[in-house]
N, C-alpha and C. Protein backbone atom coordinates (compact mmCIF):
# COMPACT_ATOMS: atom_id res chain seq x y z
N MET A 1 -12.47 3.29 9.89
CA MET A 1 -12.68 3.49 8.47
C MET A 1 -12.08 2.32 7.71
N LYS A 2 -12.58 2.09 6.51
CA LYS A 2 -12.08 0.98 5.69
C LYS A 2 -11.44 1.50 4.42
N ILE A 3 -10.33 0.85 4.04
CA ILE A 3 -9.68 1.10 2.76
C ILE A 3 -9.37 -0.24 2.11
N VAL A 4 -9.04 -0.22 0.83
CA VAL A 4 -8.56 -1.40 0.14
C VAL A 4 -7.05 -1.23 -0.04
N PHE A 5 -6.32 -2.26 0.33
CA PHE A 5 -4.85 -2.25 0.26
C PHE A 5 -4.43 -3.29 -0.76
N LYS A 6 -3.65 -2.86 -1.77
CA LYS A 6 -3.20 -3.77 -2.82
C LYS A 6 -1.68 -3.74 -2.93
N LEU A 7 -1.12 -4.93 -3.08
CA LEU A 7 0.31 -5.06 -3.32
C LEU A 7 0.52 -5.85 -4.60
N TYR A 8 1.50 -5.44 -5.39
CA TYR A 8 1.73 -6.06 -6.69
C TYR A 8 3.11 -6.68 -6.79
N ALA A 9 3.24 -7.60 -7.74
CA ALA A 9 4.49 -8.29 -8.06
C ALA A 9 5.05 -8.96 -6.80
N THR A 10 6.33 -8.78 -6.54
CA THR A 10 6.96 -9.48 -5.41
C THR A 10 6.44 -9.02 -4.05
N LEU A 11 5.82 -7.87 -3.99
CA LEU A 11 5.28 -7.39 -2.71
C LEU A 11 4.08 -8.20 -2.25
N GLN A 12 3.45 -8.95 -3.16
CA GLN A 12 2.30 -9.77 -2.77
C GLN A 12 2.66 -10.75 -1.66
N ASP A 13 3.92 -11.12 -1.57
CA ASP A 13 4.37 -12.05 -0.53
C ASP A 13 4.13 -11.52 0.88
N TYR A 14 3.94 -10.22 1.01
CA TYR A 14 3.73 -9.61 2.32
C TYR A 14 2.26 -9.61 2.74
N LEU A 15 1.39 -10.03 1.86
CA LEU A 15 -0.04 -10.11 2.19
C LEU A 15 -0.33 -11.42 2.92
N PRO A 16 -1.37 -11.43 3.75
CA PRO A 16 -1.80 -12.70 4.35
C PRO A 16 -2.21 -13.68 3.25
N ALA A 17 -2.13 -14.97 3.54
CA ALA A 17 -2.39 -16.02 2.55
C ALA A 17 -3.73 -15.84 1.85
N GLU A 18 -4.77 -15.47 2.58
CA GLU A 18 -6.11 -15.35 2.00
C GLU A 18 -6.23 -14.19 1.01
N ALA A 19 -5.31 -13.25 1.05
CA ALA A 19 -5.38 -12.09 0.16
C ALA A 19 -4.47 -12.22 -1.06
N LYS A 20 -3.61 -13.21 -1.08
CA LYS A 20 -2.63 -13.33 -2.18
C LYS A 20 -3.29 -13.63 -3.52
N ARG A 21 -4.41 -14.34 -3.51
CA ARG A 21 -5.05 -14.70 -4.77
C ARG A 21 -5.57 -13.46 -5.52
N THR A 22 -6.06 -12.49 -4.78
CA THR A 22 -6.64 -11.28 -5.39
C THR A 22 -5.71 -10.07 -5.27
N ASN A 23 -4.62 -10.22 -4.58
CA ASN A 23 -3.64 -9.18 -4.26
C ASN A 23 -4.26 -7.97 -3.55
N ALA A 24 -5.41 -8.17 -2.92
CA ALA A 24 -6.09 -7.06 -2.24
C ALA A 24 -6.60 -7.50 -0.87
N LEU A 25 -6.66 -6.54 0.01
CA LEU A 25 -7.09 -6.77 1.38
C LEU A 25 -7.86 -5.54 1.85
N THR A 26 -9.00 -5.74 2.45
CA THR A 26 -9.74 -4.63 3.06
C THR A 26 -9.21 -4.45 4.47
N LEU A 27 -8.81 -3.23 4.78
CA LEU A 27 -8.27 -2.93 6.11
C LEU A 27 -9.19 -2.00 6.87
N GLU A 28 -9.34 -2.26 8.14
CA GLU A 28 -10.04 -1.36 9.06
C GLU A 28 -8.96 -0.54 9.76
N LEU A 29 -9.00 0.77 9.58
CA LEU A 29 -7.96 1.66 10.10
C LEU A 29 -8.53 2.73 11.01
N ALA A 30 -7.69 3.21 11.91
CA ALA A 30 -8.05 4.36 12.72
C ALA A 30 -7.96 5.61 11.86
N PRO A 31 -8.83 6.58 12.08
CA PRO A 31 -8.72 7.84 11.35
C PRO A 31 -7.32 8.44 11.54
N GLY A 32 -6.79 9.00 10.46
CA GLY A 32 -5.47 9.62 10.54
C GLY A 32 -4.32 8.68 10.21
N THR A 33 -4.62 7.41 9.92
CA THR A 33 -3.56 6.46 9.57
C THR A 33 -2.88 6.91 8.27
N THR A 34 -1.55 6.89 8.26
CA THR A 34 -0.79 7.32 7.09
C THR A 34 -0.33 6.13 6.25
N ILE A 35 0.11 6.43 5.05
CA ILE A 35 0.66 5.40 4.17
C ILE A 35 1.87 4.76 4.83
N GLN A 36 2.72 5.56 5.42
CA GLN A 36 3.93 5.04 6.07
C GLN A 36 3.57 4.05 7.17
N GLN A 37 2.53 4.32 7.91
CA GLN A 37 2.12 3.39 8.97
C GLN A 37 1.68 2.04 8.40
N ILE A 38 1.04 2.05 7.24
CA ILE A 38 0.64 0.80 6.59
C ILE A 38 1.88 0.06 6.10
N ILE A 39 2.82 0.78 5.49
CA ILE A 39 4.07 0.17 5.02
C ILE A 39 4.78 -0.52 6.19
N GLU A 40 4.85 0.15 7.33
CA GLU A 40 5.51 -0.41 8.51
C GLU A 40 4.72 -1.59 9.08
N ARG A 41 3.42 -1.47 9.12
CA ARG A 41 2.55 -2.53 9.66
C ARG A 41 2.77 -3.86 8.93
N PHE A 42 2.97 -3.79 7.62
CA PHE A 42 3.15 -5.00 6.82
C PHE A 42 4.62 -5.37 6.62
N GLY A 43 5.53 -4.59 7.20
CA GLY A 43 6.95 -4.89 7.13
C GLY A 43 7.53 -4.77 5.73
N LEU A 44 6.97 -3.86 4.93
CA LEU A 44 7.44 -3.69 3.56
C LEU A 44 8.77 -2.94 3.56
N PRO A 45 9.78 -3.44 2.86
CA PRO A 45 11.05 -2.71 2.76
C PRO A 45 10.84 -1.40 2.01
N GLN A 46 11.33 -0.32 2.57
CA GLN A 46 11.16 1.01 1.96
C GLN A 46 11.63 1.04 0.52
N LYS A 47 12.77 0.40 0.24
CA LYS A 47 13.34 0.45 -1.10
C LYS A 47 12.48 -0.28 -2.13
N LEU A 48 11.57 -1.13 -1.66
CA LEU A 48 10.68 -1.85 -2.57
C LEU A 48 9.35 -1.12 -2.79
N CYS A 49 9.09 -0.08 -2.03
CA CYS A 49 7.84 0.69 -2.18
C CYS A 49 8.10 1.82 -3.18
N HIS A 50 8.18 1.42 -4.43
CA HIS A 50 8.61 2.35 -5.48
C HIS A 50 7.46 3.23 -5.99
N LEU A 51 6.38 2.60 -6.40
CA LEU A 51 5.24 3.33 -6.94
C LEU A 51 4.07 3.18 -5.96
N VAL A 52 3.67 4.29 -5.36
CA VAL A 52 2.58 4.29 -4.38
C VAL A 52 1.46 5.16 -4.93
N LEU A 53 0.28 4.58 -5.00
CA LEU A 53 -0.89 5.29 -5.54
C LEU A 53 -2.05 5.23 -4.57
N ILE A 54 -2.78 6.34 -4.49
CA ILE A 54 -4.06 6.36 -3.79
C ILE A 54 -5.10 6.66 -4.85
N ASP A 55 -6.01 5.73 -5.04
CA ASP A 55 -7.04 5.85 -6.07
C ASP A 55 -6.45 6.25 -7.42
N GLY A 56 -5.29 5.67 -7.75
CA GLY A 56 -4.66 5.91 -9.04
C GLY A 56 -3.80 7.16 -9.12
N ASN A 57 -3.68 7.90 -8.03
CA ASN A 57 -2.88 9.13 -8.01
C ASN A 57 -1.55 8.89 -7.28
N PHE A 58 -0.45 9.25 -7.93
CA PHE A 58 0.88 9.04 -7.38
C PHE A 58 1.08 9.82 -6.08
N VAL A 59 1.69 9.15 -5.10
CA VAL A 59 2.05 9.80 -3.83
C VAL A 59 3.57 9.79 -3.74
N PRO A 60 4.21 10.97 -3.77
CA PRO A 60 5.67 11.02 -3.70
C PRO A 60 6.18 10.55 -2.34
N PRO A 61 7.41 10.02 -2.30
CA PRO A 61 7.95 9.51 -1.04
C PRO A 61 7.88 10.50 0.12
N ALA A 62 8.09 11.78 -0.13
CA ALA A 62 8.08 12.78 0.94
C ALA A 62 6.71 12.93 1.60
N ALA A 63 5.64 12.56 0.91
CA ALA A 63 4.29 12.73 1.46
C ALA A 63 3.76 11.50 2.17
N ARG A 64 4.44 10.39 2.07
CA ARG A 64 3.92 9.12 2.60
C ARG A 64 3.80 9.08 4.12
N ALA A 65 4.64 9.84 4.81
CA ALA A 65 4.60 9.83 6.28
C ALA A 65 3.54 10.77 6.84
N THR A 66 3.02 11.67 6.01
CA THR A 66 2.08 12.67 6.54
C THR A 66 0.69 12.59 5.92
N LEU A 67 0.57 11.98 4.77
CA LEU A 67 -0.72 11.91 4.09
C LEU A 67 -1.61 10.86 4.73
N ALA A 68 -2.72 11.29 5.32
CA ALA A 68 -3.64 10.37 5.97
C ALA A 68 -4.60 9.77 4.96
N LEU A 69 -4.84 8.49 5.10
CA LEU A 69 -5.80 7.80 4.24
C LEU A 69 -7.21 8.16 4.65
N LYS A 70 -8.13 8.06 3.68
CA LYS A 70 -9.53 8.40 3.92
C LYS A 70 -10.43 7.20 3.63
N GLU A 71 -11.59 7.19 4.23
CA GLU A 71 -12.58 6.13 4.05
C GLU A 71 -12.80 5.84 2.57
N GLY A 72 -12.75 4.54 2.22
CA GLY A 72 -13.08 4.11 0.88
C GLY A 72 -11.97 4.21 -0.15
N GLU A 73 -10.80 4.74 0.23
CA GLU A 73 -9.71 4.86 -0.72
C GLU A 73 -9.06 3.50 -0.99
N THR A 74 -8.34 3.44 -2.11
CA THR A 74 -7.55 2.26 -2.44
C THR A 74 -6.08 2.67 -2.47
N LEU A 75 -5.29 1.99 -1.65
CA LEU A 75 -3.85 2.20 -1.59
C LEU A 75 -3.18 1.05 -2.33
N ALA A 76 -2.42 1.36 -3.37
CA ALA A 76 -1.74 0.34 -4.16
C ALA A 76 -0.25 0.65 -4.19
N ILE A 77 0.56 -0.41 -4.02
CA ILE A 77 2.01 -0.25 -3.98
C ILE A 77 2.67 -1.26 -4.92
N TRP A 78 3.60 -0.76 -5.75
CA TRP A 78 4.36 -1.60 -6.67
C TRP A 78 5.85 -1.48 -6.33
N PRO A 79 6.58 -2.57 -6.50
CA PRO A 79 8.04 -2.50 -6.37
C PRO A 79 8.63 -1.95 -7.67
N PRO A 80 9.94 -1.67 -7.68
CA PRO A 80 10.57 -1.28 -8.94
C PRO A 80 10.41 -2.42 -9.95
N VAL A 81 10.16 -2.09 -11.19
CA VAL A 81 9.93 -3.10 -12.21
C VAL A 81 10.98 -2.94 -13.30
N ALA A 82 11.57 -4.03 -13.69
CA ALA A 82 12.55 -4.02 -14.78
C ALA A 82 12.01 -4.91 -15.90
N GLY A 83 12.34 -4.59 -17.07
CA GLY A 83 11.88 -5.42 -18.17
C GLY A 83 12.50 -4.97 -19.46
N GLY A 84 12.11 -5.64 -20.50
CA GLY A 84 12.69 -5.28 -21.77
C GLY A 84 11.80 -5.64 -22.92
């Protein structure tokens, strides 16, 4: 199955070079792949995976290890953001 994987702000550094310009990457995944497995696959630090969305819907930290991604979904991850 295919999903779109997006990383924002400083997390973009974890994407392959060809995906950094658009901050998005199409992934081919086995059925049942979880958000946590994607986080681990890309070596993302847990503390930097602050805001996790599937198709714009927030996924709480407790659900990331068990929620399986589905065909055509978009997984987007943001680090903590500070500003003023």
